[in-house]
Every structure is written in C-alpha cells, then in structure tokens.
Amino acid sequence: MDIYKNLSECTGFQWDEGNIDKNLILHGVTSLECEQIFFNLPLVAYEDVKHSKKEKRYYAIGKTDADRFIFIVFTIRKKQIRIISARDMKKKERQVYVNYEKDSRI
C-alpha cells in the first residue's frame, strides 16, 4: 500500500502519555517538531519492513518549520499517526533528504 495515500487519510496524531516526552528527553525533539515534518514538503517516507512484525512501521525524514532535519519512526493506528521515536537526521540521511529536495524542485 502507498504510504503517502495512507498519510493523506490520517486525521491527526496519537500520543502515548508515557511516550510523549521521550523524544524530548533523549534527543531534544519536541512533539510539535515531530508533527511539523508531516506538513512540510518534501516529506520522504518508507515502510520499515525490518521492524514491522506486529504492525506496519514507517520511517520518514523531513524538516521542521525552523528547518531542523528530523528522522521519525511511526505507525498509523485508526487513521492517526503515532510517533514511536524521533531524532536529528544522521549525515547520510540528511544527504538523502537534500538530494530529494533538489530533485523535487526540478
């Protein structure tokens, strides 16, 4: 199934109360920043086949409103995006994103 179609059908975000601050504590990424990358283009998303045992997992790379490059692992439950983890992009991920960004402008 097309990840972008699944995302276009989502109606919001689902945050686990015990997990909402985990990304801020571990990686300095706020829940607002996590949500922002889904509204800023380009958003690059893929299915995470390796980690999709119990449910489908995806990962995405994108930019916040402040141009921070973020890597996110998420799932979709009942048309809600549920963030599993978030951190700054690593060097290789950032290069992939920058190349994708350049190609999407052509």
C-alpha atoms as a PDB file:
ATOM      1  CA  MET A   1       0.000   0.000   0.000  1.00  0.00           C
ATOM      2  CA  ASP A   2       1.204   3.510  -0.763  1.00  0.00           C
ATOM      3  CA  ILE A   3       2.497   5.247   2.373  1.00  0.00           C
ATOM      4  CA  TYR A   4       1.599   8.702   1.038  1.00  0.00           C
ATOM      5  CA  LYS A   5      -2.001   7.595   0.432  1.00  0.00           C
ATOM      6  CA  ASN A   6      -2.154   6.232   3.996  1.00  0.00           C
ATOM      7  CA  LEU A   7      -0.779   9.515   5.339  1.00  0.00           C
ATOM      8  CA  SER A   8      -3.265  11.578   3.324  1.00  0.00           C
ATOM      9  CA  GLU A   9      -6.088   9.675   5.032  1.00  0.00           C
ATOM     10  CA  CYS A  10      -4.802  10.392   8.542  1.00  0.00           C
ATOM     11  CA  THR A  11      -6.855  12.750  10.685  1.00  0.00           C
ATOM     12  CA  GLY A  12      -4.325  13.622  13.373  1.00  0.00           C
ATOM     13  CA  PHE A  13      -1.736  12.367  15.814  1.00  0.00           C
ATOM     14  CA  GLN A  14      -1.973   9.902  18.676  1.00  0.00           C
ATOM     15  CA  TRP A  15       0.428  10.400  21.576  1.00  0.00           C
ATOM     16  CA  ASP A  16       1.004   7.896  24.348  1.00  0.00           C
ATOM     17  CA  GLU A  17       1.155   9.802  27.643  1.00  0.00           C
ATOM     18  CA  GLY A  18       4.137   7.754  28.779  1.00  0.00           C
ATOM     19  CA  ASN A  19       5.958   8.340  25.489  1.00  0.00           C
ATOM     20  CA  ILE A  20       5.198  11.969  24.606  1.00  0.00           C
ATOM     21  CA  ASP A  21       8.310  13.396  26.335  1.00  0.00           C
ATOM     22  CA  LYS A  22      10.676  10.519  25.461  1.00  0.00           C
ATOM     23  CA  ASN A  23      11.948  12.146  22.250  1.00  0.00           C
ATOM     24  CA  LEU A  24      12.482  15.463  24.014  1.00  0.00           C
ATOM     25  CA  ILE A  25      14.414  13.832  26.862  1.00  0.00           C
ATOM     26  CA  LEU A  26      16.506  11.504  24.686  1.00  0.00           C
ATOM     27  CA  HIS A  27      17.019  13.606  21.541  1.00  0.00           C
ATOM     28  CA  GLY A  28      15.784  17.145  22.206  1.00  0.00           C
ATOM     29  CA  VAL A  29      12.899  16.792  19.705  1.00  0.00           C
ATOM     30  CA  THR A  30       9.533  18.205  20.777  1.00  0.00           C
ATOM     31  CA  SER A  31       6.201  16.625  19.886  1.00  0.00           C
ATOM     32  CA  LEU A  32       5.365  19.767  17.882  1.00  0.00           C
ATOM     33  CA  GLU A  33       8.532  19.342  15.800  1.00  0.00           C
ATOM     34  CA  CYS A  34       7.581  15.701  15.164  1.00  0.00           C
ATOM     35  CA  GLU A  35       4.199  16.764  13.837  1.00  0.00           C
ATOM     36  CA  GLN A  36       5.587  19.618  11.719  1.00  0.00           C
ATOM     37  CA  ILE A  37       7.567  17.392   9.352  1.00  0.00           C
ATOM     38  CA  PHE A  38       4.324  15.826   8.108  1.00  0.00           C
ATOM     39  CA  PHE A  39       3.128  19.237   6.884  1.00  0.00           C
ATOM     40  CA  ASN A  40       6.371  20.476   5.316  1.00  0.00           C
ATOM     41  CA  LEU A  41       7.491  19.373   1.876  1.00  0.00           C
ATOM     42  CA  PRO A  42       9.215  17.349   0.834  1.00  0.00           C
ATOM     43  CA  LEU A  43       8.402  14.526   3.227  1.00  0.00           C
ATOM     44  CA  VAL A  44      10.310  11.345   2.419  1.00  0.00           C
ATOM     45  CA  ALA A  45       8.696   8.228   3.904  1.00  0.00           C
ATOM     46  CA  TYR A  46       9.251   4.497   3.565  1.00  0.00           C
ATOM     47  CA  GLU A  47       7.869   1.314   5.076  1.00  0.00           C
ATOM     48  CA  ASP A  48      10.197  -0.136   7.711  1.00  0.00           C
ATOM     49  CA  VAL A  49       9.885  -3.771   6.671  1.00  0.00           C
ATOM     50  CA  LYS A  50      12.573  -4.963   9.091  1.00  0.00           C
ATOM     51  CA  HIS A  51      10.693  -3.678  12.151  1.00  0.00           C
ATOM     52  CA  SER A  52       7.105  -4.329  11.003  1.00  0.00           C
ATOM     53  CA  LYS A  53       6.480  -7.528  12.943  1.00  0.00           C
ATOM     54  CA  LYS A  54       3.328  -6.779  14.961  1.00  0.00           C
ATOM     55  CA  GLU A  55       2.182  -3.756  12.975  1.00  0.00           C
ATOM     56  CA  LYS A  56       3.426  -1.801   9.979  1.00  0.00           C
ATOM     57  CA  ARG A  57       6.079   0.708  10.864  1.00  0.00           C
ATOM     58  CA  TYR A  58       7.353   3.525   8.731  1.00  0.00           C
ATOM     59  CA  TYR A  59      10.169   5.986   8.862  1.00  0.00           C
ATOM     60  CA  ALA A  60      10.245   9.496   7.494  1.00  0.00           C
ATOM     61  CA  ILE A  61      12.727  12.287   7.041  1.00  0.00           C
ATOM     62  CA  GLY A  62      11.652  15.882   6.837  1.00  0.00           C
ATOM     63  CA  LYS A  63      12.146  19.412   8.089  1.00  0.00           C
ATOM     64  CA  THR A  64      10.511  21.356  10.877  1.00  0.00           C
ATOM     65  CA  ASP A  65       9.237  24.907  10.473  1.00  0.00           C
ATOM     66  CA  ALA A  66      12.656  26.042  11.751  1.00  0.00           C
ATOM     67  CA  ASP A  67      14.458  23.942   9.090  1.00  0.00           C
ATOM     68  CA  ARG A  68      15.615  21.299  11.567  1.00  0.00           C
ATOM     69  CA  PHE A  69      16.249  17.968   9.827  1.00  0.00           C
ATOM     70  CA  ILE A  70      14.352  15.206  11.677  1.00  0.00           C
ATOM     71  CA  PHE A  71      14.181  11.403  11.330  1.00  0.00           C
ATOM     72  CA  ILE A  72      10.982   9.807  12.652  1.00  0.00           C
ATOM     73  CA  VAL A  73       9.764   6.238  13.138  1.00  0.00           C
ATOM     74  CA  PHE A  74       5.981   5.982  13.259  1.00  0.00           C
ATOM     75  CA  THR A  75       2.967   3.774  12.752  1.00  0.00           C
ATOM     76  CA  ILE A  76      -0.609   4.501  11.747  1.00  0.00           C
ATOM     77  CA  ARG A  77      -3.424   3.392  14.041  1.00  0.00           C
ATOM     78  CA  LYS A  78      -7.063   4.109  13.235  1.00  0.00           C
ATOM     79  CA  LYS A  79      -6.085   6.934  10.843  1.00  0.00           C
ATOM     80  CA  GLN A  80      -3.848   8.531  13.476  1.00  0.00           C
ATOM     81  CA  ILE A  81      -0.079   8.977  13.156  1.00  0.00           C
ATOM     82  CA  ARG A  82       1.615   7.551  16.231  1.00  0.00           C
ATOM     83  CA  ILE A  83       5.227   8.651  16.677  1.00  0.00           C
ATOM     84  CA  ILE A  84       7.485   5.904  18.024  1.00  0.00           C
ATOM     85  CA  SER A  85      10.784   7.777  18.018  1.00  0.00           C
ATOM     86  CA  ALA A  86      12.362  10.942  16.654  1.00  0.00           C
ATOM     87  CA  ARG A  87      15.871  12.330  16.418  1.00  0.00           C
ATOM     88  CA  ASP A  88      18.027  14.587  14.268  1.00  0.00           C
ATOM     89  CA  MET A  89      18.992  13.094  10.914  1.00  0.00           C
ATOM     90  CA  LYS A  90      22.382  11.494  10.625  1.00  0.00           C
ATOM     91  CA  LYS A  91      24.774  12.752   7.934  1.00  0.00           C
ATOM     92  CA  LYS A  92      23.774  10.120   5.316  1.00  0.00           C
ATOM     93  CA  GLU A  93      20.049  10.656   5.954  1.00  0.00           C
ATOM     94  CA  ARG A  94      20.484  14.393   5.598  1.00  0.00           C
ATOM     95  CA  GLN A  95      22.278  13.929   2.274  1.00  0.00           C
ATOM     96  CA  VAL A  96      19.447  11.706   1.006  1.00  0.00           C
ATOM     97  CA  TYR A  97      16.945  14.373   2.041  1.00  0.00           C
ATOM     98  CA  VAL A  98      18.898  17.245   0.471  1.00  0.00           C
ATOM     99  CA  ASN A  99      19.187  15.285  -2.803  1.00  0.00           C
ATOM    100  CA  TYR A 100      15.466  14.507  -2.720  1.00  0.00           C
ATOM    101  CA  GLU A 101      14.747  18.181  -2.041  1.00  0.00           C
ATOM    102  CA  LYS A 102      16.858  19.247  -5.046  1.00  0.00           C
ATOM    103  CA  ASP A 103      15.200  16.676  -7.331  1.00  0.00           C
ATOM    104  CA  SER A 104      11.710  17.739  -6.289  1.00  0.00           C
ATOM    105  CA  ARG A 105      12.411  21.334  -7.403  1.00  0.00           C
ATOM    106  CA  ILE A 106      13.237  20.319 -10.972  1.00  0.00           C
END
